[in-house]
Amino acid sequence: MLKHLLLLPFALLLAACSSLTQYSVSEGEINQYLKDKVAFQKELGIPGIMSSKIRLDDLQSRIGRSRADRVELDAAGDLQVASPLGSQQMRIRLSLSARPDYVAEQGAIYLRDLELISVKTEPADVGAALTPLLPTFNQSLSLFLSQTPVYRLDTSRQNEARIKDKVEALKVEPGRLVIPFKLM
C-alpha cells in the first residue's frame, strides 16, 4: 500500500513533465491559418488542347483521422477550363492526403508526399474532362504545399517563440499535431 502511495506523486510528476515538453497545434488553429494565409492559384494546360485556371481558397484539414501519420486536406475553389470546343466555369473540390513535416529554421509545418484522393466538380458531368490535367495539377499543388506552410509558429507568442528551434519531431494525433521539444 505504501509503495502505491509513493508511486502516485511520481506518476503525476511524469505526466506534468510530458506536458511541459510538448506543444500541440489543433486542427482548428491550422484551419484558421489556412483560411487567413493560404490560397492556391495556377494556370495549367496542354498547349493547343486544353488550358485551365484554378483557384483554391477554401482549405480545411483533418489531422490523423483516416491514417495515423497523415493530414487530409479538403480544398475547394473555382476552375475555368478552355478547349477548342469552348470554355466552362465550374466549382472544384479536392480531397488530398499528405505527410506533415516541421522545418525548424522557419518554425513552419509543410505538407509533403501529397496524394490526390478524389476530385469532384459542379457541374459533375465535366469532371472527366479534367483527366489529362490531373497529373500536372497534382504536381503543381504538391510543389505549392511543400513550399507554403500550413502553419507557422508565431514568434510574437511567447510559448511558440521559445520552442521554434528546439523541436525534436512532429507527431500526428487525431485532431492535432503534437510538437515535442527539448527543454535545453
Protein backbone atom coordinates (compact mmCIF):
# COMPACT_ATOMS: atom_id res chain seq x y z
CA MET A 1 0.00 0.00 0.00
CA LEU A 2 2.80 2.41 0.92
CA LYS A 3 4.52 1.56 -2.35
CA HIS A 4 1.40 2.60 -4.33
CA LEU A 5 1.13 5.87 -2.40
CA LEU A 6 4.74 6.72 -3.26
CA LEU A 7 4.23 5.92 -6.94
CA LEU A 8 1.24 8.27 -7.30
CA PRO A 9 3.20 11.56 -6.91
CA PHE A 10 5.92 10.20 -9.21
CA ALA A 11 3.33 9.35 -11.90
CA LEU A 12 1.77 12.82 -11.57
CA LEU A 13 5.21 14.43 -11.91
CA LEU A 14 5.95 12.45 -15.07
CA ALA A 15 2.61 13.49 -16.60
CA ALA A 16 3.32 17.15 -15.79
CA CYS A 17 6.80 16.96 -17.34
CA SER A 18 5.33 15.50 -20.52
CA SER A 19 3.00 18.47 -20.94
CA LEU A 20 5.95 20.82 -20.35
CA THR A 21 7.98 19.28 -23.19
CA GLN A 22 5.42 19.30 -25.97
CA TYR A 23 3.25 21.83 -27.73
CA SER A 24 0.24 20.99 -29.83
CA VAL A 25 -1.41 22.74 -32.75
CA SER A 26 -5.08 21.92 -33.12
CA GLU A 27 -6.95 21.23 -36.30
CA GLY A 28 -8.88 24.46 -35.69
CA GLU A 29 -5.66 26.51 -35.47
CA ILE A 30 -4.36 25.02 -38.71
CA ASN A 31 -7.72 25.60 -40.42
CA GLN A 32 -7.70 29.25 -39.32
CA TYR A 33 -4.13 29.66 -40.62
CA LEU A 34 -5.15 28.08 -43.94
CA LYS A 35 -8.16 30.41 -44.18
CA ASP A 36 -6.14 33.55 -43.42
CA LYS A 37 -2.86 32.87 -45.21
CA VAL A 38 -3.00 30.11 -47.82
CA ALA A 39 -4.57 30.20 -51.28
CA PHE A 40 -3.51 28.34 -54.40
CA GLN A 41 -3.83 29.85 -57.85
CA LYS A 42 -2.36 28.41 -61.02
CA GLU A 43 -2.75 28.32 -64.78
CA LEU A 44 -2.22 24.86 -66.26
CA GLY A 45 -2.69 23.33 -69.63
CA ILE A 46 -1.69 21.30 -72.63
CA PRO A 47 -0.89 23.78 -75.41
CA GLY A 48 -3.44 23.70 -78.21
CA ILE A 49 -5.58 21.10 -76.47
CA MET A 50 -6.77 22.35 -73.09
CA SER A 51 -5.92 25.09 -70.60
CA SER A 52 -7.22 25.86 -67.15
CA LYS A 53 -7.12 28.45 -64.41
CA ILE A 54 -7.66 27.15 -60.91
CA ARG A 55 -8.05 28.95 -57.62
CA LEU A 56 -8.34 27.04 -54.34
CA ASP A 57 -9.10 29.24 -51.37
CA ASP A 58 -11.28 27.09 -49.12
CA LEU A 59 -8.86 24.68 -47.40
CA GLN A 60 -9.80 22.53 -44.40
CA SER A 61 -7.59 20.00 -42.62
CA ARG A 62 -8.45 16.76 -40.87
CA ILE A 63 -5.47 15.58 -38.86
CA GLY A 64 -4.79 11.90 -38.24
CA ARG A 65 -8.38 10.83 -38.83
CA SER A 66 -8.07 8.29 -41.67
CA ARG A 67 -4.37 7.47 -41.38
CA ALA A 68 -2.32 7.94 -38.24
CA ASP A 69 0.64 9.68 -39.91
CA ARG A 70 -1.22 11.86 -42.42
CA VAL A 71 -3.16 15.08 -42.73
CA GLU A 72 -6.17 15.03 -45.00
CA LEU A 73 -6.89 18.29 -46.76
CA ASP A 74 -10.16 19.27 -48.41
CA ALA A 75 -9.71 22.06 -50.93
CA ALA A 76 -12.44 23.90 -52.82
CA GLY A 77 -12.40 26.68 -55.34
CA ASP A 78 -13.08 27.74 -58.91
CA LEU A 79 -11.83 26.22 -62.10
CA GLN A 80 -12.10 27.53 -65.64
CA VAL A 81 -11.31 25.12 -68.46
CA ALA A 82 -10.87 26.19 -72.07
CA SER A 83 -10.57 23.92 -75.10
CA PRO A 84 -11.10 24.31 -78.83
CA LEU A 85 -14.74 23.39 -78.17
CA GLY A 86 -15.36 26.24 -75.72
CA SER A 87 -14.93 27.35 -72.15
CA GLN A 88 -16.51 26.11 -68.91
CA GLN A 89 -16.55 27.65 -65.41
CA MET A 90 -17.04 25.23 -62.51
CA ARG A 91 -16.56 24.65 -58.79
CA ILE A 92 -13.99 22.04 -57.84
CA ARG A 93 -13.49 20.11 -54.61
CA LEU A 94 -10.41 18.01 -53.96
CA SER A 95 -9.55 15.57 -51.21
CA LEU A 96 -5.83 15.19 -50.55
CA SER A 97 -3.61 13.34 -48.13
CA ALA A 98 -0.10 14.39 -47.10
CA ARG A 99 2.60 13.83 -44.51
CA PRO A 100 3.25 16.85 -42.25
CA ASP A 101 6.86 17.97 -41.87
CA TYR A 102 8.33 20.54 -39.46
CA VAL A 103 11.18 22.81 -40.65
CA ALA A 104 12.88 24.20 -37.54
CA GLU A 105 14.74 27.10 -39.20
CA GLN A 106 11.40 28.53 -40.31
CA GLY A 107 9.27 27.31 -37.42
CA ALA A 108 6.83 26.06 -40.05
CA ILE A 109 4.83 22.95 -40.87
CA TYR A 110 4.66 21.88 -44.52
CA LEU A 111 2.82 19.06 -46.28
CA ARG A 112 4.93 16.53 -48.18
CA ASP A 113 4.21 13.37 -50.22
CA LEU A 114 0.87 14.64 -51.48
CA GLU A 115 -1.70 12.10 -52.66
CA LEU A 116 -4.77 13.15 -54.62
CA ILE A 117 -7.66 11.10 -53.23
CA SER A 118 -10.65 12.47 -55.12
CA VAL A 119 -11.83 15.25 -57.45
CA LYS A 120 -15.43 16.45 -57.66
CA THR A 121 -16.79 19.18 -59.87
CA GLU A 122 -20.04 21.11 -60.14
CA PRO A 123 -21.45 20.53 -62.69
CA ALA A 124 -20.45 16.89 -62.23
CA ASP A 125 -20.56 15.90 -65.91
CA VAL A 126 -17.42 17.92 -66.78
CA GLY A 127 -15.14 16.25 -64.22
CA ALA A 128 -13.99 13.56 -66.67
CA ALA A 129 -12.62 16.26 -68.98
CA LEU A 130 -10.05 17.12 -66.28
CA THR A 131 -8.30 13.74 -66.51
CA PRO A 132 -5.49 14.98 -68.81
CA LEU A 133 -4.76 17.84 -66.40
CA LEU A 134 -4.69 15.85 -63.15
CA PRO A 135 -1.00 14.78 -63.19
CA THR A 136 0.16 18.34 -63.90
CA PHE A 137 -2.27 19.77 -61.38
CA ASN A 138 -1.21 17.27 -58.69
CA GLN A 139 2.47 18.12 -59.29
CA SER A 140 1.80 21.88 -59.07
CA LEU A 141 -0.25 21.56 -55.90
CA SER A 142 2.34 19.24 -54.35
CA LEU A 143 5.10 21.76 -55.07
CA PHE A 144 2.96 24.60 -53.68
CA LEU A 145 2.22 22.77 -50.40
CA SER A 146 5.86 21.74 -49.97
CA GLN A 147 6.86 25.44 -50.21
CA THR A 148 3.90 27.10 -48.47
CA PRO A 149 3.43 26.34 -44.77
CA VAL A 150 0.08 25.15 -43.48
CA TYR A 151 1.09 26.56 -40.08
CA ARG A 152 3.93 28.73 -38.87
CA LEU A 153 4.83 29.14 -35.21
CA ASP A 154 4.07 32.72 -34.20
CA THR A 155 7.22 34.20 -32.63
CA SER A 156 5.15 37.01 -31.11
CA ARG A 157 3.52 34.36 -28.89
CA GLN A 158 5.92 33.52 -26.08
CA ASN A 159 5.24 29.76 -26.00
CA GLU A 160 5.74 29.34 -29.72
CA ALA A 161 8.84 31.57 -29.88
CA ARG A 162 10.57 29.55 -27.14
CA ILE A 163 10.18 26.19 -28.85
CA LYS A 164 10.80 27.14 -32.50
CA ASP A 165 14.42 25.88 -32.63
CA LYS A 166 14.05 23.14 -30.02
CA VAL A 167 11.61 20.86 -31.82
CA GLU A 168 12.67 17.23 -32.00
CA ALA A 169 9.91 15.81 -34.21
CA LEU A 170 6.29 16.11 -35.20
CA LYS A 171 3.62 13.63 -34.13
CA VAL A 172 0.23 13.25 -35.73
CA GLU A 173 -2.65 12.58 -33.34
CA PRO A 174 -6.35 12.68 -34.17
CA GLY A 175 -7.33 16.36 -34.37
CA ARG A 176 -3.89 17.83 -33.64
CA LEU A 177 -0.19 17.92 -34.40
CA VAL A 178 1.99 17.42 -31.34
CA ILE A 179 5.38 19.14 -31.34
CA PRO A 180 7.76 17.61 -28.79
CA PHE A 181 10.71 19.85 -27.90
CA LYS A 182 13.86 19.85 -25.77
CA LEU A 183 13.93 21.96 -22.63
CA MET A 184 17.63 22.76 -23.01
